[in-house]
C-alpha atoms as a PDB file:
ATOM      1  CA  MET A   1     111.088 138.495  96.584  1.00  0.00           C
ATOM      2  CA  ALA A   2     113.235 137.882  99.641  1.00  0.00           C
ATOM      3  CA  ILE A   3     116.128 140.181 100.471  1.00  0.00           C
ATOM      4  CA  HIS A   4     118.618 139.971 103.305  1.00  0.00           C
ATOM      5  CA  GLN A   5     119.567 142.962 105.421  1.00  0.00           C
ATOM      6  CA  GLY A   6     121.406 142.939 108.719  1.00  0.00           C
ATOM      7  CA  GLY A   7     121.020 139.184 109.049  1.00  0.00           C
ATOM      8  CA  ARG A   8     117.261 139.376 108.541  1.00  0.00           C
ATOM      9  CA  GLU A   9     115.139 138.175 105.653  1.00  0.00           C
ATOM     10  CA  LEU A  10     112.703 140.789 104.390  1.00  0.00           C
ATOM     11  CA  THR A  11     110.003 140.605 101.734  1.00  0.00           C
ATOM     12  CA  LEU A  12     110.452 143.088  98.879  1.00  0.00           C
ATOM     13  CA  LEU A  13     107.587 143.964  96.570  1.00  0.00           C
ATOM     14  CA  PHE A  14     107.699 145.894  93.311  1.00  0.00           C
ATOM     15  CA  ALA A  15     104.069 146.996  93.214  1.00  0.00           C
ATOM     16  CA  ASN A  16     101.777 148.649  90.740  1.00  0.00           C
ATOM     17  CA  LEU A  17      99.187 150.627  92.667  1.00  0.00           C
ATOM     18  CA  PRO A  18      96.181 151.199  90.416  1.00  0.00           C
ATOM     19  CA  THR A  19      95.104 154.759  89.847  1.00  0.00           C
ATOM     20  CA  VAL A  20      92.005 154.912  87.706  1.00  0.00           C
ATOM     21  CA  VAL A  21      92.085 157.681  85.124  1.00  0.00           C
ATOM     22  CA  MET A  22      89.839 156.181  82.460  1.00  0.00           C
ATOM     23  CA  PRO A  23      86.045 156.066  82.682  1.00  0.00           C
ATOM     24  CA  LEU A  24      84.710 152.986  84.452  1.00  0.00           C
ATOM     25  CA  LYS A  25      81.721 152.792  82.123  1.00  0.00           C
ATOM     26  CA  ASN A  26      83.843 151.865  79.153  1.00  0.00           C
ATOM     27  CA  PRO A  27      82.556 149.757  76.236  1.00  0.00           C
ATOM     28  CA  LYS A  28      86.148 149.054  75.165  1.00  0.00           C
ATOM     29  CA  TYR A  29      86.892 147.532  78.586  1.00  0.00           C
ATOM     30  CA  PRO A  30      83.642 146.233  80.078  1.00  0.00           C
ATOM     31  CA  GLY A  31      85.433 144.208  82.765  1.00  0.00           C
ATOM     32  CA  ILE A  32      87.442 147.061  84.234  1.00  0.00           C
ATOM     33  CA  VAL A  33      85.521 147.234  87.527  1.00  0.00           C
ATOM     34  CA  ALA A  34      85.796 143.485  88.115  1.00  0.00           C
ATOM     35  CA  ASP A  35      89.499 143.515  87.208  1.00  0.00           C
ATOM     36  CA  LEU A  36      90.266 146.418  89.534  1.00  0.00           C
ATOM     37  CA  THR A  37      88.257 144.862  92.354  1.00  0.00           C
ATOM     38  CA  ARG A  38      90.242 141.645  91.953  1.00  0.00           C
ATOM     39  CA  SER A  39      93.514 143.599  91.799  1.00  0.00           C
ATOM     40  CA  PHE A  40      92.779 145.325  95.095  1.00  0.00           C
ATOM     41  CA  GLN A  41      91.904 141.999  96.730  1.00  0.00           C
ATOM     42  CA  ARG A  42      95.259 140.600  95.633  1.00  0.00           C
ATOM     43  CA  LEU A  43      97.209 143.688  96.649  1.00  0.00           C
ATOM     44  CA  LYS A  44      95.631 143.654 100.119  1.00  0.00           C
ATOM     45  CA  ALA A  45      96.664 140.016 100.580  1.00  0.00           C
ATOM     46  CA  LEU A  46     100.352 140.905 100.191  1.00  0.00           C
ATOM     47  CA  GLU A  47     102.408 141.866 103.240  1.00  0.00           C
ATOM     48  CA  PRO A  48     105.754 143.265 102.102  1.00  0.00           C
ATOM     49  CA  ASP A  49     108.352 144.604 104.522  1.00  0.00           C
ATOM     50  CA  VAL A  50     109.831 146.809 101.806  1.00  0.00           C
ATOM     51  CA  TRP A  51     107.884 148.029  98.789  1.00  0.00           C
ATOM     52  CA  VAL A  52     108.574 150.289  95.844  1.00  0.00           C
ATOM     53  CA  VAL A  53     106.488 151.545  92.946  1.00  0.00           C
ATOM     54  CA  ALA A  54     107.199 153.278  89.661  1.00  0.00           C
ATOM     55  CA  HIS A  55     105.896 156.599  90.974  1.00  0.00           C
ATOM     56  CA  VAL A  56     108.173 157.168  93.970  1.00  0.00           C
ATOM     57  CA  SER A  57     105.775 159.694  95.496  1.00  0.00           C
ATOM     58  CA  GLN A  58     103.287 156.852  96.064  1.00  0.00           C
ATOM     59  CA  CYS A  59     105.664 155.123  98.465  1.00  0.00           C
ATOM     60  CA  GLY A  60     107.532 158.089  99.963  1.00  0.00           C
ATOM     61  CA  LEU A  61     110.804 156.788  98.597  1.00  0.00           C
ATOM     62  CA  VAL A  62     112.645 160.099  98.916  1.00  0.00           C
ATOM     63  CA  ALA A  63     111.853 160.338 102.640  1.00  0.00           C
ATOM     64  CA  LYS A  64     112.732 156.678 103.186  1.00  0.00           C
ATOM     65  CA  HIS A  65     116.056 157.182 101.430  1.00  0.00           C
ATOM     66  CA  ALA A  66     116.799 160.270 103.537  1.00  0.00           C
ATOM     67  CA  ALA A  67     115.991 158.312 106.707  1.00  0.00           C
ATOM     68  CA  GLY A  68     118.022 155.303 105.549  1.00  0.00           C
ATOM     69  CA  ASN A  69     115.142 152.957 106.332  1.00  0.00           C
ATOM     70  CA  TYR A  70     113.001 151.397 103.643  1.00  0.00           C
ATOM     71  CA  GLU A  71     110.905 149.084 105.813  1.00  0.00           C
ATOM     72  CA  ASP A  72     107.292 150.230 105.706  1.00  0.00           C
ATOM     73  CA  PRO A  73     104.680 147.468 105.905  1.00  0.00           C
ATOM     74  CA  SER A  74     101.977 149.750 107.298  1.00  0.00           C
ATOM     75  CA  GLY A  75     102.694 152.351 104.608  1.00  0.00           C
ATOM     76  CA  TYR A  76     101.971 149.740 101.951  1.00  0.00           C
ATOM     77  CA  ALA A  77      98.612 148.860 103.485  1.00  0.00           C
ATOM     78  CA  THR A  78      97.760 152.560 103.793  1.00  0.00           C
ATOM     79  CA  ALA A  79      98.706 153.279 100.166  1.00  0.00           C
ATOM     80  CA  VAL A  80      96.648 150.352  98.860  1.00  0.00           C
ATOM     81  CA  ALA A  81      93.673 151.416 100.993  1.00  0.00           C
ATOM     82  CA  ALA A  82      93.924 154.993  99.663  1.00  0.00           C
ATOM     83  CA  CYS A  83      94.004 153.834  96.031  1.00  0.00           C
ATOM     84  CA  GLU A  84      91.085 151.497  96.664  1.00  0.00           C
ATOM     85  CA  ALA A  85      89.092 154.302  98.325  1.00  0.00           C
ATOM     86  CA  ASP A  86      89.717 156.519  95.280  1.00  0.00           C
ATOM     87  CA  PHE A  87      88.553 153.700  93.010  1.00  0.00           C
ATOM     88  CA  LYS A  88      85.405 153.097  95.063  1.00  0.00           C
ATOM     89  CA  ALA A  89      84.581 156.824  95.098  1.00  0.00           C
ATOM     90  CA  LYS A  90      85.040 156.978  91.326  1.00  0.00           C
ATOM     91  CA  ALA A  91      82.865 153.870  90.877  1.00  0.00           C
ATOM     92  CA  GLU A  92      80.134 155.352  93.075  1.00  0.00           C
ATOM     93  CA  ALA A  93      80.258 158.678  91.207  1.00  0.00           C
ATOM     94  CA  GLU A  94      80.218 157.108  87.741  1.00  0.00           C
ATOM     95  CA  LEU A  95      78.156 153.964  88.266  1.00  0.00           C
ATOM     96  CA  GLY A  96      76.083 154.664  91.353  1.00  0.00           C
ATOM     97  CA  GLY A  97      75.202 151.697  93.535  1.00  0.00           C
ATOM     98  CA  ARG A  98      75.841 149.201  90.767  1.00  0.00           C
END
């Protein structure tokens, strides 16, 4: 979504950063690993200037509001990478090298 601020066009993203709380070896959802892998690929392809998520702690919204600056493209990439690293660690712990 494009927004305009100070004569500039910025890209705004309402993101859902996956946090994996359910077991990855799950007969009720056998495709969970493939779906999450695909989700992370898609999330990493996005390059928002401004991004928000439902859980404001994931994007540091309180600090951004206090600073009066919501632009944070590198913060988005860092947050996605952290969620993906958590997912990969969980996959390694639960599924091994599979």
